[in-house]
């Protein structure tokens, strides 16, 4: 992890304009003064379970998975993080250590600042407070849906949902078909709550039905509407 110069901080503040718009100029300067920038390699851990939450993070570039160790040490991807999203602060407000780990899917640029600064601004700025409450409420609703889907949907529905989620969160490449994230089969299986062998077989089934096309880790979505139908029907 390295710390950037003020010039790069200025650039990142501009990229985070949607967040900074709700802050006063004094609060934006306070955040900027306490802002650090970290660069993480693929598969590098940003924070891990049982760590004490002392910072708030925001992804600037790259992709991140939030994981949790389950029974017998099996690792489960519980959600992913998209650029400009704040993360890593829930545990602090629950008076807990982290219950999850954050790991880079690919090389990432992340900004972070002390939770003490974060809470100070929350107390001062009602708009920012509602921004965070809205984000937490959205996450809670998604977590409720995901709990039901992972336990009640069949394998095909779970994998279709994972592919659609990745498309909605990270988008497609310039060809308009290829997912803009390359996941291992293990990661896809973890997102879909299934074994790797089942994930491979189900992907092959989708490819045979011409719903997707596979080229190594690259996945093209050919029939998005049908894939969404499979996801919805479970």
Protein backbone atom coordinates (compact mmCIF):
# COMPACT_ATOMS: atom_id res chain seq x y z
CA UNK A 1 0.00 0.00 0.00
CA UNK A 2 1.34 3.43 -0.92
CA UNK A 3 0.18 7.01 -0.38
CA UNK A 4 -0.33 9.36 -3.32
CA UNK A 5 0.51 13.02 -3.83
CA UNK A 6 -2.04 15.83 -3.48
CA UNK A 7 -2.43 16.04 -7.25
CA UNK A 8 -3.80 12.50 -7.44
CA UNK A 9 -6.03 13.19 -4.45
CA UNK A 10 -7.53 16.13 -6.37
CA UNK A 11 -8.24 13.86 -9.33
CA UNK A 12 -9.91 11.24 -7.14
CA UNK A 13 -12.02 13.85 -5.34
CA UNK A 14 -13.30 14.94 -8.77
CA UNK A 15 -14.11 11.32 -9.67
CA UNK A 16 -16.10 11.02 -6.44
CA UNK A 17 -18.14 14.13 -7.28
CA UNK A 18 -21.47 12.37 -6.74
CA UNK A 19 -20.53 11.91 -3.08
CA UNK A 20 -18.76 15.21 -2.60
CA UNK A 21 -21.76 17.13 -3.98
CA UNK A 22 -23.61 16.64 -0.69
CA UNK A 23 -20.72 17.91 1.40
CA UNK A 24 -19.85 21.47 2.29
CA UNK A 25 -16.54 22.81 1.02
CA UNK A 26 -15.14 22.56 4.56
CA UNK A 27 -16.19 18.92 4.87
CA UNK A 28 -14.76 18.06 1.46
CA UNK A 29 -11.46 19.64 2.49
CA UNK A 30 -11.53 17.69 5.77
CA UNK A 31 -11.96 14.42 3.88
CA UNK A 32 -9.29 15.35 1.37
CA UNK A 33 -6.85 16.21 4.17
CA UNK A 34 -7.41 12.77 5.74
CA UNK A 35 -7.61 10.81 2.50
CA UNK A 36 -5.09 8.07 1.73
CA UNK A 37 -4.79 6.01 -1.44
CA UNK A 38 -3.99 2.31 -1.56
CA UNK A 39 -3.00 0.18 -4.53
CA UNK A 40 -3.80 -3.52 -4.28
CA UNK A 41 -2.73 -6.44 -6.43
CA UNK A 42 -5.06 -9.17 -7.65
CA UNK A 43 -6.17 -11.40 -4.74
CA UNK A 44 -4.65 -9.04 -2.16
CA UNK A 45 -6.68 -8.55 1.03
CA UNK A 46 -7.90 -5.05 1.88
CA UNK A 47 -9.26 -6.05 5.27
CA UNK A 48 -10.04 -9.42 6.80
CA UNK A 49 -12.49 -10.98 9.22
CA UNK A 50 -11.88 -10.07 12.89
CA UNK A 51 -9.94 -6.90 11.97
CA UNK A 52 -10.93 -3.80 13.92
CA UNK A 53 -12.77 -1.31 11.63
CA UNK A 54 -10.86 1.96 11.73
CA UNK A 55 -11.26 3.22 8.16
CA UNK A 56 -13.97 3.75 5.56
CA UNK A 57 -13.05 2.62 2.04
CA UNK A 58 -14.16 3.59 -1.45
CA UNK A 59 -13.23 1.70 -4.60
CA UNK A 60 -11.92 4.03 -7.32
CA UNK A 61 -10.73 1.60 -10.00
CA UNK A 62 -10.94 -2.19 -10.18
CA UNK A 63 -13.25 -4.80 -8.69
CA UNK A 64 -13.60 -6.17 -5.16
CA UNK A 65 -15.31 -9.19 -3.64
CA UNK A 66 -16.62 -9.32 -0.07
CA UNK A 67 -16.19 -12.84 1.30
CA UNK A 68 -16.98 -14.78 4.48
CA UNK A 69 -15.53 -18.00 5.78
CA UNK A 70 -18.25 -20.55 6.37
CA UNK A 71 -18.43 -24.04 7.78
CA UNK A 72 -15.20 -26.04 7.41
CA UNK A 73 -13.45 -22.94 6.12
CA UNK A 74 -15.42 -22.82 2.88
CA UNK A 75 -15.18 -19.31 1.45
CA UNK A 76 -18.40 -17.64 0.24
CA UNK A 77 -18.62 -14.49 -1.88
CA UNK A 78 -21.46 -12.54 -0.25
CA UNK A 79 -21.36 -9.51 -2.56
CA UNK A 80 -19.19 -7.43 -4.87
CA UNK A 81 -18.19 -3.76 -4.73
CA UNK A 82 -18.55 -1.38 -7.66
CA UNK A 83 -16.46 1.74 -8.34
CA UNK A 84 -17.22 4.79 -6.17
CA UNK A 85 -19.05 2.65 -3.61
CA UNK A 86 -18.25 3.19 0.08
CA UNK A 87 -17.65 0.02 2.09
CA UNK A 88 -16.10 -1.30 5.28
CA UNK A 89 -18.04 0.75 7.83
CA UNK A 90 -21.02 -1.46 8.81
CA UNK A 91 -19.09 -3.33 11.50
CA UNK A 92 -18.12 -0.12 13.27
CA UNK A 93 -21.73 1.00 13.71
CA UNK A 94 -22.68 -2.50 14.89
CA UNK A 95 -19.86 -2.32 17.49
CA UNK A 96 -18.23 -5.37 15.94
CA UNK A 97 -15.02 -6.46 14.33
CA UNK A 98 -15.29 -7.24 10.63
CA UNK A 99 -17.43 -10.29 9.88
CA UNK A 100 -16.22 -10.41 6.27
CA UNK A 101 -13.06 -9.89 4.22
CA UNK A 102 -12.55 -7.59 1.25
CA UNK A 103 -10.31 -8.98 -1.51
CA UNK A 104 -9.26 -7.53 -4.86
CA UNK A 105 -10.67 -9.39 -7.87
CA UNK A 106 -8.08 -7.56 -9.97
CA UNK A 107 -5.58 -4.68 -9.43
CA UNK A 108 -7.45 -1.95 -7.54
CA UNK A 109 -7.10 1.66 -6.48
CA UNK A 110 -8.86 2.38 -3.21
CA UNK A 111 -9.17 5.49 -1.06
CA UNK A 112 -9.67 5.30 2.69
CA UNK A 113 -10.09 7.71 5.56
CA UNK A 114 -10.57 7.40 9.34
CA UNK A 115 -14.01 6.43 10.62
CA UNK A 116 -13.69 9.28 13.12
CA UNK A 117 -13.78 11.75 10.21
CA UNK A 118 -16.67 9.82 8.65
CA UNK A 119 -18.77 9.98 11.82
CA UNK A 120 -17.99 13.67 12.32
CA UNK A 121 -19.39 14.49 8.88
CA UNK A 122 -22.43 12.25 9.45
CA UNK A 123 -23.26 14.26 12.59
CA UNK A 124 -22.88 17.57 10.76
CA UNK A 125 -24.49 16.81 7.40
CA UNK A 126 -28.07 15.51 7.15
CA UNK A 127 -27.88 14.96 3.38
CA UNK A 128 -24.74 12.84 3.73
CA UNK A 129 -26.37 10.92 6.58
CA UNK A 130 -29.39 10.09 4.41
CA UNK A 131 -27.03 9.10 1.58
CA UNK A 132 -25.42 6.50 3.86
CA UNK A 133 -28.75 5.30 5.31
CA UNK A 134 -30.09 4.82 1.78
CA UNK A 135 -27.01 2.80 0.85
CA UNK A 136 -27.31 0.59 3.93
CA UNK A 137 -31.03 0.07 3.35
CA UNK A 138 -30.41 -0.95 -0.26
CA UNK A 139 -27.71 -3.40 0.83
CA UNK A 140 -30.02 -4.91 3.47
CA UNK A 141 -32.78 -5.47 0.90
CA UNK A 142 -30.33 -7.08 -1.51
CA UNK A 143 -28.98 -9.31 1.26
CA UNK A 144 -32.54 -10.45 2.10
CA UNK A 145 -33.20 -11.32 -1.54
CA UNK A 146 -29.87 -13.08 -1.89
CA UNK A 147 -30.47 -15.22 1.21
CA UNK A 148 -33.74 -16.53 -0.23
CA UNK A 149 -32.37 -16.95 -3.74
CA UNK A 150 -29.27 -18.89 -2.67
CA UNK A 151 -31.30 -21.28 -0.53
CA UNK A 152 -34.41 -21.76 -2.70
CA UNK A 153 -33.39 -21.35 -6.33
CA UNK A 154 -32.14 -24.31 -8.32
CA UNK A 155 -28.57 -24.37 -9.63
CA UNK A 156 -29.49 -22.88 -13.01
CA UNK A 157 -31.34 -19.99 -11.42
CA UNK A 158 -28.49 -19.23 -9.00
CA UNK A 159 -25.84 -19.16 -11.70
CA UNK A 160 -28.02 -17.10 -14.04
CA UNK A 161 -28.56 -14.61 -11.21
CA UNK A 162 -24.80 -14.36 -10.60
CA UNK A 163 -24.13 -13.60 -14.28
CA UNK A 164 -26.89 -10.98 -14.43
CA UNK A 165 -25.64 -9.39 -11.19
CA UNK A 166 -22.12 -9.10 -12.62
CA UNK A 167 -23.50 -7.58 -15.81
CA UNK A 168 -25.62 -5.04 -13.92
CA UNK A 169 -22.79 -4.08 -11.56
CA UNK A 170 -19.76 -4.02 -13.87
CA UNK A 171 -21.27 -3.71 -17.33
CA UNK A 172 -20.06 -5.10 -20.65
CA UNK A 173 -17.01 -4.56 -22.80
CA UNK A 174 -17.09 -2.57 -26.03
CA UNK A 175 -18.55 -5.50 -28.02
CA UNK A 176 -21.76 -5.19 -25.96
CA UNK A 177 -21.70 -8.86 -24.94
CA UNK A 178 -18.62 -9.75 -22.89
CA UNK A 179 -18.83 -9.32 -19.11
CA UNK A 180 -16.37 -6.67 -17.96
CA UNK A 181 -15.00 -8.99 -15.29
CA UNK A 182 -13.15 -12.27 -15.67
CA UNK A 183 -13.93 -14.69 -12.85
CA UNK A 184 -12.49 -18.08 -12.10
CA UNK A 185 -14.94 -20.96 -12.01
CA UNK A 186 -14.28 -21.19 -8.27
CA UNK A 187 -15.40 -17.57 -7.79
CA UNK A 188 -18.54 -18.10 -9.90
CA UNK A 189 -19.33 -21.20 -7.85
CA UNK A 190 -18.81 -19.24 -4.62
CA UNK A 191 -21.14 -16.47 -5.79
CA UNK A 192 -23.78 -19.05 -6.72
CA UNK A 193 -23.48 -21.28 -3.64
CA UNK A 194 -22.57 -24.41 -5.58
CA UNK A 195 -19.61 -26.67 -6.19
CA UNK A 196 -17.11 -25.73 -8.89
CA UNK A 197 -18.00 -28.85 -10.88
CA UNK A 198 -21.70 -27.85 -10.87
CA UNK A 199 -20.78 -24.32 -11.97
CA UNK A 200 -18.75 -25.69 -14.89
CA UNK A 201 -21.55 -28.05 -15.97
CA UNK A 202 -24.20 -25.32 -15.73
CA UNK A 203 -22.08 -22.86 -17.70
CA UNK A 204 -21.64 -25.51 -20.39
CA UNK A 205 -25.40 -26.06 -20.41
CA UNK A 206 -26.03 -22.32 -20.88
CA UNK A 207 -23.46 -22.28 -23.69
CA UNK A 208 -25.12 -25.27 -25.43
CA UNK A 209 -28.43 -23.40 -25.25
CA UNK A 210 -26.71 -20.33 -26.77
CA UNK A 211 -27.57 -18.15 -23.76
CA UNK A 212 -23.87 -17.40 -23.29
CA UNK A 213 -20.56 -18.00 -25.06
CA UNK A 214 -17.39 -18.96 -23.19
CA UNK A 215 -13.79 -18.13 -24.07
CA UNK A 216 -11.56 -19.07 -21.15
CA UNK A 217 -12.58 -16.74 -18.32
CA UNK A 218 -14.41 -14.45 -20.72
CA UNK A 219 -18.19 -14.90 -20.73
CA UNK A 220 -20.43 -13.33 -23.36
CA UNK A 221 -24.12 -12.88 -22.60
CA UNK A 222 -25.94 -13.64 -25.85
CA UNK A 223 -29.54 -13.88 -24.64
CA UNK A 224 -29.91 -11.55 -21.67
CA UNK A 225 -33.72 -11.67 -21.53
CA UNK A 226 -33.74 -15.47 -21.43
CA UNK A 227 -30.97 -15.52 -18.83
CA UNK A 228 -33.02 -13.13 -16.68
CA UNK A 229 -36.04 -15.40 -17.12
CA UNK A 230 -34.00 -18.39 -15.90
CA UNK A 231 -32.84 -16.32 -12.94
CA UNK A 232 -36.39 -15.20 -12.08
CA UNK A 233 -37.93 -18.66 -12.37
CA UNK A 234 -35.12 -20.15 -10.31
